[in-house]
Amino acid sequence: MFRRCEVLMLVLAGLFLLAAGAYTVPRGAPGAELTVLTGREAEPEDEFIIPSGPVDINSADVHELDQLPGIGEVLAGRIIEYRTEHGPFTSLEELCNVSGIGEKTCESLRGLVSFGEESK
């Protein structure tokens, strides 16, 4: 009987410490799950935005594009500038024509971006 109480107390203490640790890990610390990909300050309303589906590369604004992996505020601006000058994107490969976006970045965006109604 005494053994069971000891085990139960240890389990409860471990759960308490685990729960307390989850609330004390500062953002950006080693082991934290949130990774900041850009140098801009996060706005309270966009700290945990996870796109619900593919981002339409032809209609997304800077803020929406900035949420994509490897795309910061500067590259988002270049994407918008490129599509303004050359028209809508029709493929992922065409996105590689944007200055600063290489093949690795393009490949990391596969499945995360769409090209609007024109490409379907």
C-alpha atoms as a PDB file:
ATOM      1  CA  MET A   1       0.000   0.000   0.000  1.00  0.00           C
ATOM      2  CA  PHE A   2       2.763   2.448   0.912  1.00  0.00           C
ATOM      3  CA  ARG A   3       4.483   1.742  -2.413  1.00  0.00           C
ATOM      4  CA  ARG A   4       1.379   2.704  -4.409  1.00  0.00           C
ATOM      5  CA  CYS A   5       1.157   6.054  -2.647  1.00  0.00           C
ATOM      6  CA  GLU A   6       4.805   6.769  -3.385  1.00  0.00           C
ATOM      7  CA  VAL A   7       4.379   5.943  -7.073  1.00  0.00           C
ATOM      8  CA  LEU A   8       1.203   8.011  -7.303  1.00  0.00           C
ATOM      9  CA  MET A   9       2.912  10.988  -5.642  1.00  0.00           C
ATOM     10  CA  LEU A  10       5.883  10.719  -8.030  1.00  0.00           C
ATOM     11  CA  VAL A  11       3.581  10.559 -11.062  1.00  0.00           C
ATOM     12  CA  LEU A  12       1.581  13.561  -9.870  1.00  0.00           C
ATOM     13  CA  ALA A  13       4.752  15.529  -9.119  1.00  0.00           C
ATOM     14  CA  GLY A  14       6.092  14.704 -12.580  1.00  0.00           C
ATOM     15  CA  LEU A  15       2.877  15.827 -14.251  1.00  0.00           C
ATOM     16  CA  PHE A  16       2.914  19.058 -12.263  1.00  0.00           C
ATOM     17  CA  LEU A  17       6.515  19.796 -13.278  1.00  0.00           C
ATOM     18  CA  LEU A  18       5.766  18.958 -16.890  1.00  0.00           C
ATOM     19  CA  ALA A  19       2.744  21.262 -16.937  1.00  0.00           C
ATOM     20  CA  ALA A  20       4.660  24.054 -15.196  1.00  0.00           C
ATOM     21  CA  GLY A  21       7.517  23.731 -17.682  1.00  0.00           C
ATOM     22  CA  ALA A  22       5.170  24.128 -20.631  1.00  0.00           C
ATOM     23  CA  TYR A  23       4.220  27.583 -19.401  1.00  0.00           C
ATOM     24  CA  THR A  24       7.737  28.776 -18.655  1.00  0.00           C
ATOM     25  CA  VAL A  25       9.539  28.055 -21.945  1.00  0.00           C
ATOM     26  CA  PRO A  26      10.196  31.466 -23.532  1.00  0.00           C
ATOM     27  CA  ARG A  27       9.546  31.821 -27.238  1.00  0.00           C
ATOM     28  CA  GLY A  28      12.640  31.300 -29.318  1.00  0.00           C
ATOM     29  CA  ALA A  29      14.388  29.274 -26.598  1.00  0.00           C
ATOM     30  CA  PRO A  30      15.999  25.983 -27.576  1.00  0.00           C
ATOM     31  CA  GLY A  31      13.265  23.377 -27.641  1.00  0.00           C
ATOM     32  CA  ALA A  32      10.489  25.881 -28.212  1.00  0.00           C
ATOM     33  CA  GLU A  33       8.141  24.937 -31.026  1.00  0.00           C
ATOM     34  CA  LEU A  34       7.632  28.448 -32.405  1.00  0.00           C
ATOM     35  CA  THR A  35      10.280  29.500 -34.908  1.00  0.00           C
ATOM     36  CA  VAL A  36      10.453  33.088 -36.131  1.00  0.00           C
ATOM     37  CA  LEU A  37      11.429  33.132 -39.799  1.00  0.00           C
ATOM     38  CA  THR A  38      11.585  36.891 -40.249  1.00  0.00           C
ATOM     39  CA  GLY A  39      13.045  39.841 -38.388  1.00  0.00           C
ATOM     40  CA  ARG A  40       9.703  41.632 -38.108  1.00  0.00           C
ATOM     41  CA  GLU A  41       7.823  41.908 -34.851  1.00  0.00           C
ATOM     42  CA  ALA A  42       4.870  39.538 -34.628  1.00  0.00           C
ATOM     43  CA  GLU A  43       1.477  41.127 -34.206  1.00  0.00           C
ATOM     44  CA  PRO A  44      -0.686  39.617 -31.445  1.00  0.00           C
ATOM     45  CA  GLU A  45      -3.304  38.501 -33.950  1.00  0.00           C
ATOM     46  CA  ASP A  46      -0.831  36.625 -36.165  1.00  0.00           C
ATOM     47  CA  GLU A  47       1.421  34.872 -33.660  1.00  0.00           C
ATOM     48  CA  PHE A  48      -0.098  31.422 -34.204  1.00  0.00           C
ATOM     49  CA  ILE A  49      -1.610  31.664 -37.679  1.00  0.00           C
ATOM     50  CA  ILE A  50      -1.535  28.367 -39.500  1.00  0.00           C
ATOM     51  CA  PRO A  51      -2.939  28.517 -43.019  1.00  0.00           C
ATOM     52  CA  SER A  52      -6.056  26.354 -43.304  1.00  0.00           C
ATOM     53  CA  GLY A  53      -5.195  25.381 -46.859  1.00  0.00           C
ATOM     54  CA  PRO A  54      -2.906  26.318 -49.709  1.00  0.00           C
ATOM     55  CA  VAL A  55      -2.167  30.038 -50.006  1.00  0.00           C
ATOM     56  CA  ASP A  56      -3.229  31.469 -53.380  1.00  0.00           C
ATOM     57  CA  ILE A  57       0.037  32.964 -54.564  1.00  0.00           C
ATOM     58  CA  ASN A  58      -1.816  35.185 -57.044  1.00  0.00           C
ATOM     59  CA  SER A  59      -4.080  36.924 -54.542  1.00  0.00           C
ATOM     60  CA  ALA A  60      -2.220  36.728 -51.212  1.00  0.00           C
ATOM     61  CA  ASP A  61      -1.002  39.918 -49.582  1.00  0.00           C
ATOM     62  CA  VAL A  62       2.385  40.424 -47.912  1.00  0.00           C
ATOM     63  CA  HIS A  63       1.087  39.214 -44.558  1.00  0.00           C
ATOM     64  CA  GLU A  64      -0.302  35.950 -45.986  1.00  0.00           C
ATOM     65  CA  LEU A  65       2.839  35.251 -48.025  1.00  0.00           C
ATOM     66  CA  ASP A  66       5.012  35.999 -44.994  1.00  0.00           C
ATOM     67  CA  GLN A  67       3.424  33.012 -43.200  1.00  0.00           C
ATOM     68  CA  LEU A  68       4.924  30.583 -45.740  1.00  0.00           C
ATOM     69  CA  PRO A  69       8.176  28.812 -44.800  1.00  0.00           C
ATOM     70  CA  GLY A  70      11.247  30.568 -46.146  1.00  0.00           C
ATOM     71  CA  ILE A  71       9.267  33.617 -47.277  1.00  0.00           C
ATOM     72  CA  GLY A  72       9.796  36.726 -45.218  1.00  0.00           C
ATOM     73  CA  GLU A  73       8.493  40.232 -45.663  1.00  0.00           C
ATOM     74  CA  VAL A  74      11.099  41.091 -48.328  1.00  0.00           C
ATOM     75  CA  LEU A  75      10.464  38.011 -50.492  1.00  0.00           C
ATOM     76  CA  ALA A  76       6.714  38.466 -50.091  1.00  0.00           C
ATOM     77  CA  GLY A  77       7.116  41.968 -51.503  1.00  0.00           C
ATOM     78  CA  ARG A  78       9.167  40.617 -54.417  1.00  0.00           C
ATOM     79  CA  ILE A  79       6.483  38.012 -55.191  1.00  0.00           C
ATOM     80  CA  ILE A  80       3.822  40.717 -55.337  1.00  0.00           C
ATOM     81  CA  GLU A  81       6.061  42.949 -57.439  1.00  0.00           C
ATOM     82  CA  TYR A  82       6.794  40.083 -59.861  1.00  0.00           C
ATOM     83  CA  ARG A  83       3.123  39.159 -60.337  1.00  0.00           C
ATOM     84  CA  THR A  84       2.229  42.841 -60.817  1.00  0.00           C
ATOM     85  CA  GLU A  85       4.814  43.157 -63.606  1.00  0.00           C
ATOM     86  CA  HIS A  86       4.420  39.718 -65.242  1.00  0.00           C
ATOM     87  CA  GLY A  87       0.845  38.677 -64.466  1.00  0.00           C
ATOM     88  CA  PRO A  88      -0.374  35.774 -62.349  1.00  0.00           C
ATOM     89  CA  PHE A  89       1.806  32.772 -61.593  1.00  0.00           C
ATOM     90  CA  THR A  90       0.786  29.569 -63.331  1.00  0.00           C
ATOM     91  CA  SER A  91       3.218  27.079 -61.751  1.00  0.00           C
ATOM     92  CA  LEU A  92       5.582  26.524 -58.881  1.00  0.00           C
ATOM     93  CA  GLU A  93       8.498  26.588 -61.296  1.00  0.00           C
ATOM     94  CA  GLU A  94       7.551  30.111 -62.381  1.00  0.00           C
ATOM     95  CA  LEU A  95       7.829  31.199 -58.743  1.00  0.00           C
ATOM     96  CA  CYS A  96      11.550  30.348 -58.952  1.00  0.00           C
ATOM     97  CA  ASN A  97      11.928  33.338 -61.304  1.00  0.00           C
ATOM     98  CA  VAL A  98      11.418  35.701 -58.361  1.00  0.00           C
ATOM     99  CA  SER A  99      14.744  37.127 -57.198  1.00  0.00           C
ATOM    100  CA  GLY A 100      15.831  35.446 -53.954  1.00  0.00           C
ATOM    101  CA  ILE A 101      13.688  32.327 -54.354  1.00  0.00           C
ATOM    102  CA  GLY A 102      15.707  29.283 -55.276  1.00  0.00           C
ATOM    103  CA  GLU A 103      14.803  25.706 -56.054  1.00  0.00           C
ATOM    104  CA  LYS A 104      14.974  24.634 -52.373  1.00  0.00           C
ATOM    105  CA  THR A 105      12.509  27.321 -51.327  1.00  0.00           C
ATOM    106  CA  CYS A 106      10.223  26.500 -54.248  1.00  0.00           C
ATOM    107  CA  GLU A 107      10.261  22.820 -53.332  1.00  0.00           C
ATOM    108  CA  SER A 108       9.458  23.605 -49.688  1.00  0.00           C
ATOM    109  CA  LEU A 109       6.340  25.458 -50.898  1.00  0.00           C
ATOM    110  CA  ARG A 110       4.978  22.483 -52.856  1.00  0.00           C
ATOM    111  CA  GLY A 111       1.485  21.727 -51.561  1.00  0.00           C
ATOM    112  CA  LEU A 112       1.376  24.966 -49.561  1.00  0.00           C
ATOM    113  CA  VAL A 113       0.570  27.303 -52.458  1.00  0.00           C
ATOM    114  CA  SER A 114      -2.059  27.365 -55.175  1.00  0.00           C
ATOM    115  CA  PHE A 115      -2.308  29.426 -58.332  1.00  0.00           C
ATOM    116  CA  GLY A 116      -5.941  30.539 -58.325  1.00  0.00           C
ATOM    117  CA  GLU A 117      -8.722  29.544 -60.696  1.00  0.00           C
ATOM    118  CA  GLU A 118      -6.711  30.274 -63.869  1.00  0.00           C
ATOM    119  CA  SER A 119      -4.349  27.330 -63.340  1.00  0.00           C
ATOM    120  CA  LYS A 120      -7.006  24.719 -62.570  1.00  0.00           C
END
